[in-house]
């Protein structure tokens, strides 16, 4: 039994549509595969990072003194403990020198009197 031309055309259209649907399904499967999602995410992160770095460079070029001040402030904040220790050491050293001078002066005064 042969199909009428209309039925044959409909079957042909069904096959074409099925092929398009399967092609679309495979494309979607590729798009949502973990490997593709990870690659796209990584690429997006790299592009965003490059954009941020470029913006930062432009900002530093536009305001180098302000950028230097921010870097200095951040460095001082991060190194606050060693800087405090250094300051304590310097202050302690000055106090020791004053005590030594006072001691020498007292000794000289007592030698002059004696």
PDB file of N, CA and C in Angstrom:
ATOM      1  N   UNK A   1       0.842  -1.161   0.000  1.00  0.00           N
ATOM      2  CA  UNK A   1       0.000   0.000   0.000  1.00  0.00           C
ATOM      3  C   UNK A   1       0.896   1.236   0.000  1.00  0.00           C
ATOM      4  N   UNK A   2       0.675   2.122  -0.893  1.00  0.00           N
ATOM      5  CA  UNK A   2       1.466   3.333  -1.015  1.00  0.00           C
ATOM      6  C   UNK A   2       0.726   4.482  -0.369  1.00  0.00           C
ATOM      7  N   UNK A   3       1.552   5.372   0.193  1.00  0.00           N
ATOM      8  CA  UNK A   3       0.961   6.544   0.858  1.00  0.00           C
ATOM      9  C   UNK A   3       0.625   7.606  -0.173  1.00  0.00           C
ATOM     10  N   UNK A   4      -0.353   8.385   0.158  1.00  0.00           N
ATOM     11  CA  UNK A   4      -0.713   9.492  -0.731  1.00  0.00           C
ATOM     12  C   UNK A   4       0.396  10.543  -0.656  1.00  0.00           C
ATOM     13  N   UNK A   5       0.486  11.433  -1.624  1.00  0.00           N
ATOM     14  CA  UNK A   5       1.524  12.471  -1.592  1.00  0.00           C
ATOM     15  C   UNK A   5       1.441  13.336  -0.349  1.00  0.00           C
ATOM     16  N   UNK A   6       0.261  13.569   0.168  1.00  0.00           N
ATOM     17  CA  UNK A   6       0.112  14.395   1.368  1.00  0.00           C
ATOM     18  C   UNK A   6       0.686  13.671   2.585  1.00  0.00           C
ATOM     19  N   UNK A   7       0.425  12.387   2.684  1.00  0.00           N
ATOM     20  CA  UNK A   7       0.943  11.609   3.819  1.00  0.00           C
ATOM     21  C   UNK A   7       2.466  11.501   3.720  1.00  0.00           C
ATOM     22  N   UNK A   8       2.979  11.292   2.520  1.00  0.00           N
ATOM     23  CA  UNK A   8       4.430  11.202   2.335  1.00  0.00           C
ATOM     24  C   UNK A   8       5.086  12.530   2.709  1.00  0.00           C
ATOM     25  N   UNK A   9       4.458  13.651   2.317  1.00  0.00           N
ATOM     26  CA  UNK A   9       4.998  14.962   2.662  1.00  0.00           C
ATOM     27  C   UNK A   9       4.953  15.185   4.167  1.00  0.00           C
ATOM     28  N   UNK A  10       3.875  14.746   4.802  1.00  0.00           N
ATOM     29  CA  UNK A  10       3.758  14.893   6.259  1.00  0.00           C
ATOM     30  C   UNK A  10       4.813  14.060   6.967  1.00  0.00           C
ATOM     31  N   UNK A  11       5.050  12.808   6.491  1.00  0.00           N
ATOM     32  CA  UNK A  11       6.081  11.956   7.096  1.00  0.00           C
ATOM     33  C   UNK A  11       7.459  12.593   6.933  1.00  0.00           C
ATOM     34  N   UNK A  12       7.713  13.166   5.762  1.00  0.00           N
ATOM     35  CA  UNK A  12       8.988  13.827   5.513  1.00  0.00           C
ATOM     36  C   UNK A  12       9.164  15.016   6.455  1.00  0.00           C
ATOM     37  N   UNK A  13       8.094  15.791   6.641  1.00  0.00           N
ATOM     38  CA  UNK A  13       8.148  16.948   7.551  1.00  0.00           C
ATOM     39  C   UNK A  13       8.362  16.494   8.990  1.00  0.00           C
ATOM     40  N   UNK A  14       7.741  15.391   9.370  1.00  0.00           N
ATOM     41  CA  UNK A  14       7.935  14.842  10.715  1.00  0.00           C
ATOM     42  C   UNK A  14       9.393  14.456  10.917  1.00  0.00           C
ATOM     43  N   UNK A  15      10.009  13.840   9.935  1.00  0.00           N
ATOM     44  CA  UNK A  15      11.418  13.436  10.040  1.00  0.00           C
ATOM     45  C   UNK A  15      12.329  14.654  10.151  1.00  0.00           C
ATOM     46  N   UNK A  16      12.054  15.688   9.375  1.00  0.00           N
ATOM     47  CA  UNK A  16      12.845  16.924   9.457  1.00  0.00           C
ATOM     48  C   UNK A  16      12.707  17.574  10.829  1.00  0.00           C
ATOM     49  N   UNK A  17      11.469  17.619  11.302  1.00  0.00           N
ATOM     50  CA  UNK A  17      11.222  18.217  12.613  1.00  0.00           C
ATOM     51  C   UNK A  17      11.902  17.408  13.707  1.00  0.00           C
ATOM     52  N   UNK A  18      11.817  16.091  13.635  1.00  0.00           N
ATOM     53  CA  UNK A  18      12.473  15.206  14.607  1.00  0.00           C
ATOM     54  C   UNK A  18      13.988  15.457  14.582  1.00  0.00           C
ATOM     55  N   UNK A  19      14.571  15.601  13.410  1.00  0.00           N
ATOM     56  CA  UNK A  19      16.005  15.848  13.281  1.00  0.00           C
ATOM     57  C   UNK A  19      16.372  17.192  13.922  1.00  0.00           C
ATOM     58  N   UNK A  20      15.547  18.225  13.697  1.00  0.00           N
ATOM     59  CA  UNK A  20      15.814  19.534  14.303  1.00  0.00           C
ATOM     60  C   UNK A  20      15.701  19.462  15.823  1.00  0.00           C
ATOM     61  N   UNK A  21      14.666  18.763  16.304  1.00  0.00           N
ATOM     62  CA  UNK A  21      14.477  18.629  17.754  1.00  0.00           C
ATOM     63  C   UNK A  21      15.662  17.886  18.377  1.00  0.00           C
ATOM     64  N   UNK A  22      16.111  16.828  17.736  1.00  0.00           N
ATOM     65  CA  UNK A  22      17.247  16.065  18.261  1.00  0.00           C
ATOM     66  C   UNK A  22      18.529  16.909  18.235  1.00  0.00           C
ATOM     67  N   UNK A  23      18.695  17.678  17.173  1.00  0.00           N
ATOM     68  CA  UNK A  23      19.861  18.559  17.084  1.00  0.00           C
ATOM     69  C   UNK A  23      19.830  19.594  18.211  1.00  0.00           C
ATOM     70  N   UNK A  24      18.656  20.174  18.435  1.00  0.00           N
ATOM     71  CA  UNK A  24      18.503  21.145  19.516  1.00  0.00           C
ATOM     72  C   UNK A  24      18.756  20.492  20.870  1.00  0.00           C
ATOM     73  N   UNK A  25      18.258  19.287  21.053  1.00  0.00           N
ATOM     74  CA  UNK A  25      18.462  18.570  22.316  1.00  0.00           C
ATOM     75  C   UNK A  25      19.951  18.314  22.552  1.00  0.00           C
ATOM     76  N   UNK A  26      20.675  17.911  21.515  1.00  0.00           N
ATOM     77  CA  UNK A  26      22.122  17.677  21.656  1.00  0.00           C
ATOM     78  C   UNK A  26      22.856  18.982  21.965  1.00  0.00           C
ATOM     79  N   UNK A  27      22.430  20.060  21.314  1.00  0.00           N
ATOM     80  CA  UNK A  27      23.055  21.359  21.566  1.00  0.00           C
ATOM     81  C   UNK A  27      22.828  21.792  23.012  1.00  0.00           C
ATOM     82  N   UNK A  28      21.592  21.622  23.489  1.00  0.00           N
ATOM     83  CA  UNK A  28      21.291  21.965  24.882  1.00  0.00           C
ATOM     84  C   UNK A  28      22.071  21.075  25.844  1.00  0.00           C
ATOM     85  N   UNK A  29      22.196  19.818  25.513  1.00  0.00           N
ATOM     86  CA  UNK A  29      22.951  18.897  26.345  1.00  0.00           C
ATOM     87  C   UNK A  29      24.408  19.349  26.442  1.00  0.00           C
ATOM     88  N   UNK A  30      24.965  19.793  25.337  1.00  0.00           N
ATOM     89  CA  UNK A  30      26.338  20.299  25.344  1.00  0.00           C
ATOM     90  C   UNK A  30      26.450  21.574  26.160  1.00  0.00           C
ATOM     91  N   UNK A  31      25.460  22.441  26.039  1.00  0.00           N
ATOM     92  CA  UNK A  31      25.505  23.719  26.762  1.00  0.00           C
ATOM     93  C   UNK A  31      25.439  23.539  28.271  1.00  0.00           C
ATOM     94  N   UNK A  32      24.676  22.554  28.732  1.00  0.00           N
ATOM     95  CA  UNK A  32      24.509  22.398  30.175  1.00  0.00           C
ATOM     96  C   UNK A  32      25.402  21.314  30.755  1.00  0.00           C
ATOM     97  N   UNK A  33      26.328  20.820  29.975  1.00  0.00           N
ATOM     98  CA  UNK A  33      27.243  19.819  30.521  1.00  0.00           C
ATOM     99  C   UNK A  33      28.154  20.505  31.546  1.00  0.00           C
ATOM    100  N   UNK A  34      28.541  19.808  32.595  1.00  0.00           N
ATOM    101  CA  UNK A  34      29.395  20.407  33.627  1.00  0.00           C
ATOM    102  C   UNK A  34      30.698  20.976  33.053  1.00  0.00           C
ATOM    103  N   UNK A  35      31.269  20.282  32.090  1.00  0.00           N
ATOM    104  CA  UNK A  35      32.521  20.741  31.493  1.00  0.00           C
ATOM    105  C   UNK A  35      32.329  22.103  30.809  1.00  0.00           C
ATOM    106  N   UNK A  36      31.250  22.224  30.035  1.00  0.00           N
ATOM    107  CA  UNK A  36      30.980  23.482  29.333  1.00  0.00           C
ATOM    108  C   UNK A  36      30.651  24.589  30.319  1.00  0.00           C
ATOM    109  N   UNK A  37      29.837  24.276  31.334  1.00  0.00           N
ATOM    110  CA  UNK A  37      29.496  25.284  32.335  1.00  0.00           C
ATOM    111  C   UNK A  37      30.738  25.761  33.073  1.00  0.00           C
ATOM    112  N   UNK A  38      31.621  24.840  33.454  1.00  0.00           N
ATOM    113  CA  UNK A  38      32.849  25.217  34.157  1.00  0.00           C
ATOM    114  C   UNK A  38      33.742  26.074  33.258  1.00  0.00           C
ATOM    115  N   UNK A  39      33.876  25.684  32.005  1.00  0.00           N
ATOM    116  CA  UNK A  39      34.717  26.449  31.081  1.00  0.00           C
ATOM    117  C   UNK A  39      34.159  27.861  30.888  1.00  0.00           C
ATOM    118  N   UNK A  40      32.843  27.968  30.704  1.00  0.00           N
ATOM    119  CA  UNK A  40      32.224  29.289  30.520  1.00  0.00           C
ATOM    120  C   UNK A  40      32.367  30.148  31.773  1.00  0.00           C
ATOM    121  N   UNK A  41      32.211  29.538  32.932  1.00  0.00           N
ATOM    122  CA  UNK A  41      32.355  30.271  34.189  1.00  0.00           C
ATOM    123  C   UNK A  41      33.785  30.753  34.352  1.00  0.00           C
ATOM    124  N   UNK A  42      34.747  29.886  34.076  1.00  0.00           N
ATOM    125  CA  UNK A  42      36.157  30.248  34.192  1.00  0.00           C
ATOM    126  C   UNK A  42      36.491  31.386  33.222  1.00  0.00           C
ATOM    127  N   UNK A  43      36.009  31.288  32.012  1.00  0.00           N
ATOM    128  CA  UNK A  43      36.264  32.325  31.013  1.00  0.00           C
ATOM    129  C   UNK A  43      35.670  33.657  31.467  1.00  0.00           C
ATOM    130  N   UNK A  44      34.452  33.609  31.983  1.00  0.00           N
ATOM    131  CA  UNK A  44      33.816  34.827  32.482  1.00  0.00           C
ATOM    132  C   UNK A  44      34.576  35.428  33.647  1.00  0.00           C
ATOM    133  N   UNK A  45      35.060  34.590  34.546  1.00  0.00           N
ATOM    134  CA  UNK A  45      35.826  35.080  35.694  1.00  0.00           C
ATOM    135  C   UNK A  45      37.135  35.717  35.234  1.00  0.00           C
ATOM    136  N   UNK A  46      37.793  35.099  34.262  1.00  0.00           N
ATOM    137  CA  UNK A  46      39.044  35.668  33.753  1.00  0.00           C
ATOM    138  C   UNK A  46      38.795  37.020  33.106  1.00  0.00           C
ATOM    139  N   UNK A  47      37.726  37.131  32.340  1.00  0.00           N
ATOM    140  CA  UNK A  47      37.413  38.396  31.689  1.00  0.00           C
ATOM    141  C   UNK A  47      37.077  39.469  32.720  1.00  0.00           C
ATOM    142  N   UNK A  48      36.313  39.098  33.734  1.00  0.00           N
ATOM    143  CA  UNK A  48      35.947  40.054  34.784  1.00  0.00           C
ATOM    144  C   UNK A  48      37.183  40.491  35.552  1.00  0.00           C
ATOM    145  N   UNK A  49      38.064  39.549  35.866  1.00  0.00           N
ATOM    146  CA  UNK A  49      39.306  39.886  36.556  1.00  0.00           C
ATOM    147  C   UNK A  49      40.173  40.817  35.735  1.00  0.00           C
ATOM    148  N   UNK A  50      40.259  40.562  34.443  1.00  0.00           N
ATOM    149  CA  UNK A  50      41.044  41.439  33.564  1.00  0.00           C
ATOM    150  C   UNK A  50      40.429  42.829  33.514  1.00  0.00           C
ATOM    151  N   UNK A  51      39.108  42.900  33.462  1.00  0.00           N
ATOM    152  CA  UNK A  51      38.436  44.205  33.453  1.00  0.00           C
ATOM    153  C   UNK A  51      38.699  44.967  34.753  1.00  0.00           C
ATOM    154  N   UNK A  52      38.618  44.262  35.890  1.00  0.00           N
ATOM    155  CA  UNK A  52      38.868  44.910  37.178  1.00  0.00           C
ATOM    156  C   UNK A  52      40.307  45.403  37.273  1.00  0.00           C
ATOM    157  N   UNK A  53      41.249  44.587  36.802  1.00  0.00           N
ATOM    158  CA  UNK A  53      42.657  44.987  36.839  1.00  0.00           C
ATOM    159  C   UNK A  53      42.881  46.219  35.955  1.00  0.00           C
ATOM    160  N   UNK A  54      42.262  46.229  34.802  1.00  0.00           N
ATOM    161  CA  UNK A  54      42.402  47.377  33.904  1.00  0.00           C
ATOM    162  C   UNK A  54      41.807  48.631  34.533  1.00  0.00           C
ATOM    163  N   UNK A  55      40.659  48.494  35.183  1.00  0.00           N
ATOM    164  CA  UNK A  55      40.044  49.634  35.865  1.00  0.00           C
ATOM    165  C   UNK A  55      40.937  50.135  36.997  1.00  0.00           C
ATOM    166  N   UNK A  56      41.554  49.198  37.728  1.00  0.00           N
ATOM    167  CA  UNK A  56      42.441  49.589  38.825  1.00  0.00           C
ATOM    168  C   UNK A  56      43.658  50.342  38.297  1.00  0.00           C
ATOM    169  N   UNK A  57      44.232  49.868  37.217  1.00  0.00           N
ATOM    170  CA  UNK A  57      45.385  50.549  36.618  1.00  0.00           C
ATOM    171  C   UNK A  57      44.983  51.951  36.161  1.00  0.00           C
ATOM    172  N   UNK A  58      43.836  52.070  35.545  1.00  0.00           N
ATOM    173  CA  UNK A  58      43.362  53.386  35.104  1.00  0.00           C
ATOM    174  C   UNK A  58      43.160  54.321  36.294  1.00  0.00           C
ATOM    175  N   UNK A  59      42.615  53.795  37.390  1.00  0.00           N
ATOM    176  CA  UNK A  59      42.386  54.616  38.577  1.00  0.00           C
ATOM    177  C   UNK A  59      43.712  55.085  39.179  1.00  0.00           C
ATOM    178  N   UNK A  60      44.701  54.206  39.213  1.00  0.00           N
ATOM    179  CA  UNK A  60      46.011  54.581  39.755  1.00  0.00           C
ATOM    180  C   UNK A  60      46.677  55.618  38.858  1.00  0.00           C
ATOM    181  N   UNK A  61      46.555  55.443  37.557  1.00  0.00           N
ATOM    182  CA  UNK A  61      47.130  56.433  36.631  1.00  0.00           C
ATOM    183  C   UNK A  61      46.459  57.787  36.797  1.00  0.00           C
ATOM    184  N   UNK A  62      45.172  57.791  37.058  1.00  0.00           N
ATOM    185  CA  UNK A  62      44.438  59.046  37.191  1.00  0.00           C
ATOM    186  C   UNK A  62      44.768  59.762  38.506  1.00  0.00           C
ATOM    187  N   UNK A  63      45.008  58.988  39.573  1.00  0.00           N
ATOM    188  CA  UNK A  63      45.262  59.583  40.893  1.00  0.00           C
ATOM    189  C   UNK A  63      46.417  58.848  41.584  1.00  0.00           C
ATOM    190  N   UNK A  64      47.640  59.069  41.137  1.00  0.00           N
ATOM    191  CA  UNK A  64      48.755  58.309  41.715  1.00  0.00           C
ATOM    192  C   UNK A  64      49.030  58.634  43.182  1.00  0.00           C
ATOM    193  N   UNK A  65      48.848  59.870  43.585  1.00  0.00           N
ATOM    194  CA  UNK A  65      49.126  60.238  44.978  1.00  0.00           C
ATOM    195  C   UNK A  65      48.107  59.595  45.909  1.00  0.00           C
ATOM    196  N   UNK A  66      46.838  59.653  45.527  1.00  0.00           N
ATOM    197  CA  UNK A  66      45.798  59.030  46.348  1.00  0.00           C
ATOM    198  C   UNK A  66      46.009  57.525  46.423  1.00  0.00           C
ATOM    199  N   UNK A  67      46.374  56.919  45.304  1.00  0.00           N
ATOM    200  CA  UNK A  67      46.615  55.474  45.290  1.00  0.00           C
ATOM    201  C   UNK A  67      47.797  55.128  46.187  1.00  0.00           C
ATOM    202  N   UNK A  68      48.839  55.941  46.145  1.00  0.00           N
ATOM    203  CA  UNK A  68      49.995  55.708  47.016  1.00  0.00           C
ATOM    204  C   UNK A  68      49.611  55.824  48.477  1.00  0.00           C
ATOM    205  N   UNK A  69      48.765  56.795  48.790  1.00  0.00           N
ATOM    206  CA  UNK A  69      48.297  56.952  50.169  1.00  0.00           C
ATOM    207  C   UNK A  69      47.487  55.755  50.636  1.00  0.00           C
ATOM    208  N   UNK A  70      46.641  55.250  49.755  1.00  0.00           N
ATOM    209  CA  UNK A  70      45.842  54.071  50.105  1.00  0.00           C
ATOM    210  C   UNK A  70      46.750  52.865  50.333  1.00  0.00           C
ATOM    211  N   UNK A  71      47.733  52.687  49.454  1.00  0.00           N
ATOM    212  CA  UNK A  71      48.663  51.565  49.613  1.00  0.00           C
ATOM    213  C   UNK A  71      49.452  51.713  50.910  1.00  0.00           C
ATOM    214  N   UNK A  72      49.902  52.921  51.209  1.00  0.00           N
ATOM    215  CA  UNK A  72      50.652  53.143  52.443  1.00  0.00           C
ATOM    216  C   UNK A  72      49.784  52.864  53.672  1.00  0.00           C
ATOM    217  N   UNK A  73      48.551  53.334  53.644  1.00  0.00           N
ATOM    218  CA  UNK A  73      47.652  53.099  54.771  1.00  0.00           C
ATOM    219  C   UNK A  73      47.373  51.609  54.946  1.00  0.00           C
ATOM    220  N   UNK A  74      47.152  50.925  53.857  1.00  0.00           N
ATOM    221  CA  UNK A  74      46.896  49.493  53.925  1.00  0.00           C
ATOM    222  C   UNK A  74      48.121  48.751  54.449  1.00  0.00           C
ATOM    223  N   UNK A  75      49.293  49.146  53.984  1.00  0.00           N
ATOM    224  CA  UNK A  75      50.527  48.520  54.456  1.00  0.00           C
ATOM    225  C   UNK A  75      50.720  48.751  55.947  1.00  0.00           C
ATOM    226  N   UNK A  76      50.471  49.968  56.381  1.00  0.00           N
ATOM    227  CA  UNK A  76      50.611  50.260  57.818  1.00  0.00           C
ATOM    228  C   UNK A  76      49.599  49.472  58.636  1.00  0.00           C
ATOM    229  N   UNK A  77      48.394  49.327  58.108  1.00  0.00           N
ATOM    230  CA  UNK A  77      47.388  48.548  58.833  1.00  0.00           C
ATOM    231  C   UNK A  77      47.823  47.094  58.954  1.00  0.00           C
ATOM    232  N   UNK A  78      48.298  46.526  57.846  1.00  0.00           N
ATOM    233  CA  UNK A  78      48.694  45.120  57.871  1.00  0.00           C
ATOM    234  C   UNK A  78      49.946  44.889  58.712  1.00  0.00           C
ATOM    235  N   UNK A  79      50.815  45.892  58.804  1.00  0.00           N
ATOM    236  CA  UNK A  79      52.063  45.745  59.549  1.00  0.00           C
ATOM    237  C   UNK A  79      52.000  46.470  60.890  1.00  0.00           C
ATOM    238  N   UNK A  80      50.807  46.652  61.436  1.00  0.00           N
ATOM    239  CA  UNK A  80      50.667  47.451  62.644  1.00  0.00           C
ATOM    240  C   UNK A  80      51.384  46.854  63.852  1.00  0.00           C
ATOM    241  N   UNK A  81      51.372  45.547  64.008  1.00  0.00           N
ATOM    242  CA  UNK A  81      52.053  44.939  65.157  1.00  0.00           C
ATOM    243  C   UNK A  81      53.568  45.147  65.105  1.00  0.00           C
ATOM    244  N   UNK A  82      54.223  44.822  63.975  1.00  0.00           N
ATOM    245  CA  UNK A  82      55.667  45.081  63.925  1.00  0.00           C
ATOM    246  C   UNK A  82      56.006  46.566  64.080  1.00  0.00           C
ATOM    247  N   UNK A  83      55.171  47.451  63.542  1.00  0.00           N
ATOM    248  CA  UNK A  83      55.419  48.877  63.690  1.00  0.00           C
ATOM    249  C   UNK A  83      55.259  49.320  65.141  1.00  0.00           C
ATOM    250  N   UNK A  84      54.281  48.771  65.826  1.00  0.00           N
ATOM    251  CA  UNK A  84      54.101  49.100  67.250  1.00  0.00           C
ATOM    252  C   UNK A  84      55.299  48.604  68.062  1.00  0.00           C
ATOM    253  N   UNK A  85      55.774  47.405  67.756  1.00  0.00           N
ATOM    254  CA  UNK A  85      56.957  46.888  68.449  1.00  0.00           C
ATOM    255  C   UNK A  85      58.165  47.787  68.204  1.00  0.00           C
ATOM    256  N   UNK A  86      58.334  48.233  66.973  1.00  0.00           N
ATOM    257  CA  UNK A  86      59.436  49.125  66.629  1.00  0.00           C
ATOM    258  C   UNK A  86      59.317  50.442  67.396  1.00  0.00           C
ATOM    259  N   UNK A  87      58.115  50.999  67.451  1.00  0.00           N
ATOM    260  CA  UNK A  87      57.905  52.250  68.173  1.00  0.00           C
ATOM    261  C   UNK A  87      58.187  52.073  69.659  1.00  0.00           C
ATOM    262  N   UNK A  88      57.743  50.954  70.228  1.00  0.00           N
ATOM    263  CA  UNK A  88      58.026  50.690  71.648  1.00  0.00           C
ATOM    264  C   UNK A  88      59.533  50.593  71.885  1.00  0.00           C
ATOM    265  N   UNK A  89      60.211  49.939  70.951  1.00  0.00           N
ATOM    266  CA  UNK A  89      61.662  49.811  71.081  1.00  0.00           C
ATOM    267  C   UNK A  89      62.350  51.156  70.995  1.00  0.00           C
ATOM    268  N   UNK A  90      61.895  52.011  70.097  1.00  0.00           N
ATOM    269  CA  UNK A  90      62.494  53.338  69.973  1.00  0.00           C
ATOM    270  C   UNK A  90      62.235  54.176  71.219  1.00  0.00           C
ATOM    271  N   UNK A  91      61.011  54.140  71.719  1.00  0.00           N
ATOM    272  CA  UNK A  91      60.672  54.907  72.919  1.00  0.00           C
ATOM    273  C   UNK A  91      61.456  54.365  74.110  1.00  0.00           C
ATOM    274  N   UNK A  92      61.540  53.047  74.204  1.00  0.00           N
ATOM    275  CA  UNK A  92      62.309  52.451  75.299  1.00  0.00           C
ATOM    276  C   UNK A  92      63.780  52.821  75.212  1.00  0.00           C
ATOM    277  N   UNK A  93      64.327  52.880  74.010  1.00  0.00           N
ATOM    278  CA  UNK A  93      65.721  53.259  73.818  1.00  0.00           C
ATOM    279  C   UNK A  93      65.962  54.702  74.233  1.00  0.00           C
ATOM    280  N   UNK A  94      65.033  55.592  73.933  1.00  0.00           N
ATOM    281  CA  UNK A  94      65.155  57.002  74.316  1.00  0.00           C
ATOM    282  C   UNK A  94      65.104  57.130  75.829  1.00  0.00           C
ATOM    283  N   UNK A  95      64.217  56.395  76.464  1.00  0.00           N
ATOM    284  CA  UNK A  95      64.112  56.452  77.926  1.00  0.00           C
ATOM    285  C   UNK A  95      65.402  55.957  78.574  1.00  0.00           C
ATOM    286  N   UNK A  96      65.973  54.890  78.002  1.00  0.00           N
ATOM    287  CA  UNK A  96      67.227  54.354  78.551  1.00  0.00           C
ATOM    288  C   UNK A  96      68.348  55.378  78.410  1.00  0.00           C
ATOM    289  N   UNK A  97      68.409  56.088  77.305  1.00  0.00           N
ATOM    290  CA  UNK A  97      69.441  57.103  77.108  1.00  0.00           C
ATOM    291  C   UNK A  97      69.266  58.241  78.110  1.00  0.00           C
ATOM    292  N   UNK A  98      68.026  58.646  78.349  1.00  0.00           N
ATOM    293  CA  UNK A  98      67.776  59.719  79.324  1.00  0.00           C
ATOM    294  C   UNK A  98      68.226  59.294  80.710  1.00  0.00           C
ATOM    295  N   UNK A  99      67.917  58.063  81.068  1.00  0.00           N
ATOM    296  CA  UNK A  99      68.322  57.563  82.381  1.00  0.00           C
ATOM    297  C   UNK A  99      69.845  57.532  82.483  1.00  0.00           C
ATOM    298  N   UNK A 100      70.492  57.117  81.414  1.00  0.00           N
ATOM    299  CA  UNK A 100      71.954  57.052  81.428  1.00  0.00           C
ATOM    300  C   UNK A 100      72.548  58.453  81.564  1.00  0.00           C
ATOM    301  N   UNK A 101      71.986  59.426  80.857  1.00  0.00           N
ATOM    302  CA  UNK A 101      72.481  60.796  80.957  1.00  0.00           C
ATOM    303  C   UNK A 101      72.281  61.338  82.368  1.00  0.00           C
ATOM    304  N   UNK A 102      71.087  61.076  82.937  1.00  0.00           N
ATOM    305  CA  UNK A 102      70.821  61.550  84.298  1.00  0.00           C
ATOM    306  C   UNK A 102      71.795  60.913  85.285  1.00  0.00           C
ATOM    307  N   UNK A 103      72.066  59.632  85.080  1.00  0.00           N
ATOM    308  CA  UNK A 103      73.003  58.942  85.962  1.00  0.00           C
ATOM    309  C   UNK A 103      74.400  59.525  85.849  1.00  0.00           C
ATOM    310  N   UNK A 104      74.852  59.819  84.631  1.00  0.00           N
ATOM    311  CA  UNK A 104      76.177  60.419  84.443  1.00  0.00           C
ATOM    312  C   UNK A 104      76.224  61.818  85.048  1.00  0.00           C
ATOM    313  N   UNK A 105      75.129  62.570  84.866  1.00  0.00           N
ATOM    314  CA  UNK A 105      75.105  63.930  85.404  1.00  0.00           C
ATOM    315  C   UNK A 105      75.153  63.893  86.926  1.00  0.00           C
ATOM    316  N   UNK A 106      74.417  62.974  87.541  1.00  0.00           N
ATOM    317  CA  UNK A 106      74.445  62.857  89.003  1.00  0.00           C
ATOM    318  C   UNK A 106      75.842  62.471  89.477  1.00  0.00           C
ATOM    319  N   UNK A 107      76.457  61.568  88.724  1.00  0.00           N
ATOM    320  CA  UNK A 107      77.799  61.148  89.110  1.00  0.00           C
ATOM    321  C   UNK A 107      78.778  62.311  88.984  1.00  0.00           C
ATOM    322  N   UNK A 108      78.652  63.122  87.924  1.00  0.00           N
ATOM    323  CA  UNK A 108      79.526  64.282  87.756  1.00  0.00           C
ATOM    324  C   UNK A 108      79.268  65.292  88.868  1.00  0.00           C
ATOM    325  N   UNK A 109      78.007  65.489  89.210  1.00  0.00           N
ATOM    326  CA  UNK A 109      77.679  66.443  90.286  1.00  0.00           C
ATOM    327  C   UNK A 109      78.271  65.998  91.620  1.00  0.00           C
ATOM    328  N   UNK A 110      78.189  64.683  91.899  1.00  0.00           N
ATOM    329  CA  UNK A 110      78.717  64.188  93.159  1.00  0.00           C
ATOM    330  C   UNK A 110      80.241  64.257  93.160  1.00  0.00           C
ATOM    331  N   UNK A 111      80.876  64.089  92.015  1.00  0.00           N
ATOM    332  CA  UNK A 111      82.331  64.165  91.943  1.00  0.00           C
ATOM    333  C   UNK A 111      82.785  65.602  92.149  1.00  0.00           C
ATOM    334  N   UNK A 112      82.014  66.567  91.645  1.00  0.00           N
ATOM    335  CA  UNK A 112      82.365  67.971  91.816  1.00  0.00           C
ATOM    336  C   UNK A 112      82.205  68.395  93.275  1.00  0.00           C
ATOM    337  N   UNK A 113      81.185  67.879  93.912  1.00  0.00           N
ATOM    338  CA  UNK A 113      80.921  68.231  95.310  1.00  0.00           C
ATOM    339  C   UNK A 113      81.953  67.549  96.204  1.00  0.00           C
ATOM    340  N   UNK A 114      82.279  66.302  95.883  1.00  0.00           N
ATOM    341  CA  UNK A 114      83.146  65.505  96.729  1.00  0.00           C
ATOM    342  C   UNK A 114      84.550  65.794  96.596  1.00  0.00           C
TER     343      UNK A 114
END
